[in-house]
Amino acid sequence: MITLAEGNAESKALEGAGEGKRLKAIGDGEASKIAAIGEATAQDYNKQQEAIGEEAIKQIKIVELIAAAIQEGKIKIVPDVLVTGGGSAGDGLMGQLSRLLPGVDFTALVNKQAALPKA
């Protein structure tokens, strides 16, 4: 009985040691991958800097950040409400005023004002 228990304990210990080696190998592989990506990114940045200059890289980064913000909906390009018409901006204002003050003929008032002699 004791020999069987010792054998089981030794078996578990060997399994644990094997699992530890497996996890260490996975961790080392991931660390190497991260280091390689970081080194490649740094080399790429240095080549870009040599080719177009640091100021151009900053401008490109800013455009990328703005584009990402637009894509995520943090910056609006098109307004929620868009009012268009064939007339002038004054026509829109007159229409709004006529809705706010019904019964007032704003067109007649404007024409009357235009006909007055200039001082």
C-alpha atoms as a PDB file:
ATOM      1  CA  MET A   1       0.000   0.000   0.000  1.00  0.00           C
ATOM      2  CA  ILE A   2       2.728   2.451   0.938  1.00  0.00           C
ATOM      3  CA  THR A   3       4.649   1.696  -2.250  1.00  0.00           C
ATOM      4  CA  LEU A   4       1.533   2.363  -4.330  1.00  0.00           C
ATOM      5  CA  ALA A   5       0.927   5.706  -2.570  1.00  0.00           C
ATOM      6  CA  GLU A   6       4.548   6.706  -3.051  1.00  0.00           C
ATOM      7  CA  GLY A   7       4.331   5.765  -6.746  1.00  0.00           C
ATOM      8  CA  ASN A   8       1.179   7.890  -7.158  1.00  0.00           C
ATOM      9  CA  ALA A   9       2.838  10.825  -5.407  1.00  0.00           C
ATOM     10  CA  GLU A  10       5.919  10.538  -7.590  1.00  0.00           C
ATOM     11  CA  SER A  11       3.734  10.295 -10.690  1.00  0.00           C
ATOM     12  CA  LYS A  12       1.858  13.471  -9.707  1.00  0.00           C
ATOM     13  CA  ALA A  13       5.140  15.259  -9.038  1.00  0.00           C
ATOM     14  CA  LEU A  14       6.474  14.297 -12.478  1.00  0.00           C
ATOM     15  CA  GLU A  15       3.193  15.433 -14.119  1.00  0.00           C
ATOM     16  CA  GLY A  16       3.440  18.774 -12.298  1.00  0.00           C
ATOM     17  CA  ALA A  17       7.053  19.246 -13.353  1.00  0.00           C
ATOM     18  CA  GLY A  18       6.141  18.414 -16.961  1.00  0.00           C
ATOM     19  CA  GLU A  19       3.206  20.852 -16.899  1.00  0.00           C
ATOM     20  CA  GLY A  20       5.490  23.540 -15.482  1.00  0.00           C
ATOM     21  CA  LYS A  21       7.998  23.022 -18.311  1.00  0.00           C
ATOM     22  CA  ARG A  22       5.174  23.166 -20.875  1.00  0.00           C
ATOM     23  CA  LEU A  23       3.831  26.448 -19.464  1.00  0.00           C
ATOM     24  CA  LYS A  24       7.337  27.927 -19.310  1.00  0.00           C
ATOM     25  CA  ALA A  25       7.929  27.023 -22.961  1.00  0.00           C
ATOM     26  CA  ILE A  26       4.615  28.668 -23.947  1.00  0.00           C
ATOM     27  CA  GLY A  27       5.470  31.788 -21.924  1.00  0.00           C
ATOM     28  CA  ASP A  28       8.946  32.007 -23.441  1.00  0.00           C
ATOM     29  CA  GLY A  29       7.458  31.673 -26.922  1.00  0.00           C
ATOM     30  CA  GLU A  30       4.927  34.461 -26.278  1.00  0.00           C
ATOM     31  CA  ALA A  31       7.638  36.699 -24.820  1.00  0.00           C
ATOM     32  CA  SER A  32       9.812  36.132 -27.901  1.00  0.00           C
ATOM     33  CA  LYS A  33       6.864  36.937 -30.161  1.00  0.00           C
ATOM     34  CA  ILE A  34       6.122  40.196 -28.317  1.00  0.00           C
ATOM     35  CA  ALA A  35       9.787  41.206 -28.409  1.00  0.00           C
ATOM     36  CA  ALA A  36      10.009  40.484 -32.156  1.00  0.00           C
ATOM     37  CA  ILE A  37       6.887  42.553 -32.880  1.00  0.00           C
ATOM     38  CA  GLY A  38       8.225  45.446 -30.788  1.00  0.00           C
ATOM     39  CA  GLU A  39      11.590  45.353 -32.517  1.00  0.00           C
ATOM     40  CA  ALA A  40       9.978  45.251 -35.980  1.00  0.00           C
ATOM     41  CA  THR A  41       7.722  48.190 -35.061  1.00  0.00           C
ATOM     42  CA  ALA A  42      10.718  50.219 -33.877  1.00  0.00           C
ATOM     43  CA  GLN A  43      12.652  49.467 -37.064  1.00  0.00           C
ATOM     44  CA  ASP A  44       9.610  50.426 -39.159  1.00  0.00           C
ATOM     45  CA  TYR A  45       9.254  53.712 -37.274  1.00  0.00           C
ATOM     46  CA  ASN A  46      12.953  54.527 -37.763  1.00  0.00           C
ATOM     47  CA  LYS A  47      12.704  53.820 -41.512  1.00  0.00           C
ATOM     48  CA  GLN A  48       9.604  56.039 -41.786  1.00  0.00           C
ATOM     49  CA  GLN A  49      11.347  58.801 -39.869  1.00  0.00           C
ATOM     50  CA  GLU A  50      14.331  58.632 -42.212  1.00  0.00           C
ATOM     51  CA  ALA A  51      12.093  58.629 -45.304  1.00  0.00           C
ATOM     52  CA  ILE A  52       9.540  61.354 -44.505  1.00  0.00           C
ATOM     53  CA  GLY A  53      10.656  63.022 -41.286  1.00  0.00           C
ATOM     54  CA  GLU A  54       9.320  63.082 -37.757  1.00  0.00           C
ATOM     55  CA  GLU A  55       6.886  65.969 -38.373  1.00  0.00           C
ATOM     56  CA  ALA A  56       5.153  64.093 -41.199  1.00  0.00           C
ATOM     57  CA  ILE A  57       4.861  61.013 -38.988  1.00  0.00           C
ATOM     58  CA  LYS A  58       3.163  63.120 -36.298  1.00  0.00           C
ATOM     59  CA  GLN A  59       0.699  64.500 -38.837  1.00  0.00           C
ATOM     60  CA  ILE A  60      -0.101  61.013 -40.114  1.00  0.00           C
ATOM     61  CA  LYS A  61      -0.656  59.805 -36.535  1.00  0.00           C
ATOM     62  CA  ILE A  62      -3.042  62.700 -35.875  1.00  0.00           C
ATOM     63  CA  VAL A  63      -5.044  61.859 -39.010  1.00  0.00           C
ATOM     64  CA  GLU A  64      -5.161  58.193 -37.961  1.00  0.00           C
ATOM     65  CA  LEU A  65      -6.448  59.155 -34.494  1.00  0.00           C
ATOM     66  CA  ILE A  66      -9.120  61.439 -35.971  1.00  0.00           C
ATOM     67  CA  ALA A  67     -10.180  58.734 -38.443  1.00  0.00           C
ATOM     68  CA  ALA A  68     -10.459  56.203 -35.616  1.00  0.00           C
ATOM     69  CA  ALA A  69     -12.551  58.631 -33.548  1.00  0.00           C
ATOM     70  CA  ILE A  70     -14.889  59.195 -36.511  1.00  0.00           C
ATOM     71  CA  GLN A  71     -15.189  55.458 -37.095  1.00  0.00           C
ATOM     72  CA  GLU A  72     -16.023  54.871 -33.414  1.00  0.00           C
ATOM     73  CA  GLY A  73     -18.675  57.597 -33.527  1.00  0.00           C
ATOM     74  CA  LYS A  74     -16.846  59.962 -31.182  1.00  0.00           C
ATOM     75  CA  ILE A  75     -16.764  62.744 -33.807  1.00  0.00           C
ATOM     76  CA  LYS A  76     -19.827  63.581 -35.896  1.00  0.00           C
ATOM     77  CA  ILE A  77     -19.374  64.597 -39.515  1.00  0.00           C
ATOM     78  CA  VAL A  78     -23.034  64.739 -40.551  1.00  0.00           C
ATOM     79  CA  PRO A  79     -25.388  66.647 -38.253  1.00  0.00           C
ATOM     80  CA  ASP A  80     -28.403  64.920 -36.685  1.00  0.00           C
ATOM     81  CA  VAL A  81     -30.704  67.403 -38.416  1.00  0.00           C
ATOM     82  CA  LEU A  82     -29.942  68.866 -41.824  1.00  0.00           C
ATOM     83  CA  VAL A  83     -32.208  71.541 -43.257  1.00  0.00           C
ATOM     84  CA  THR A  84     -31.787  72.501 -46.888  1.00  0.00           C
ATOM     85  CA  GLY A  85     -33.793  74.508 -49.353  1.00  0.00           C
ATOM     86  CA  GLY A  86     -33.628  76.276 -52.654  1.00  0.00           C
ATOM     87  CA  GLY A  87     -33.811  79.778 -51.177  1.00  0.00           C
ATOM     88  CA  SER A  88     -31.405  81.929 -49.265  1.00  0.00           C
ATOM     89  CA  ALA A  89     -30.540  81.735 -45.574  1.00  0.00           C
ATOM     90  CA  GLY A  90     -32.948  84.609 -44.989  1.00  0.00           C
ATOM     91  CA  ASP A  91     -35.825  82.538 -46.388  1.00  0.00           C
ATOM     92  CA  GLY A  92     -35.213  79.925 -43.695  1.00  0.00           C
ATOM     93  CA  LEU A  93     -35.168  82.608 -41.020  1.00  0.00           C
ATOM     94  CA  MET A  94     -38.388  84.129 -42.337  1.00  0.00           C
ATOM     95  CA  GLY A  95     -40.048  80.723 -42.329  1.00  0.00           C
ATOM     96  CA  GLN A  96     -39.024  80.115 -38.739  1.00  0.00           C
ATOM     97  CA  LEU A  97     -40.214  83.563 -37.628  1.00  0.00           C
ATOM     98  CA  SER A  98     -43.556  83.084 -39.377  1.00  0.00           C
ATOM     99  CA  ARG A  99     -44.076  79.875 -37.426  1.00  0.00           C
ATOM    100  CA  LEU A 100     -43.177  81.560 -34.146  1.00  0.00           C
ATOM    101  CA  LEU A 101     -45.312  84.671 -34.803  1.00  0.00           C
ATOM    102  CA  PRO A 102     -48.353  83.584 -36.827  1.00  0.00           C
ATOM    103  CA  GLY A 103     -50.331  86.339 -38.532  1.00  0.00           C
ATOM    104  CA  VAL A 104     -47.332  88.635 -39.134  1.00  0.00           C
ATOM    105  CA  ASP A 105     -46.461  89.198 -42.809  1.00  0.00           C
ATOM    106  CA  PHE A 106     -42.673  89.310 -42.617  1.00  0.00           C
ATOM    107  CA  THR A 107     -42.246  89.568 -46.392  1.00  0.00           C
ATOM    108  CA  ALA A 108     -44.331  92.756 -46.445  1.00  0.00           C
ATOM    109  CA  LEU A 109     -42.326  94.149 -43.517  1.00  0.00           C
ATOM    110  CA  VAL A 110     -39.042  93.435 -45.279  1.00  0.00           C
ATOM    111  CA  ASN A 111     -40.277  94.976 -48.550  1.00  0.00           C
ATOM    112  CA  LYS A 112     -41.566  98.029 -46.662  1.00  0.00           C
ATOM    113  CA  GLN A 113     -38.187  98.408 -44.903  1.00  0.00           C
ATOM    114  CA  ALA A 114     -36.363  98.124 -48.225  1.00  0.00           C
ATOM    115  CA  ALA A 115     -38.544 100.854 -49.766  1.00  0.00           C
ATOM    116  CA  LEU A 116     -37.781 103.371 -47.016  1.00  0.00           C
ATOM    117  CA  PRO A 117     -35.293 106.104 -47.970  1.00  0.00           C
ATOM    118  CA  LYS A 118     -31.767 105.517 -46.654  1.00  0.00           C
ATOM    119  CA  ALA A 119     -30.573 108.045 -44.120  1.00  0.00           C
END
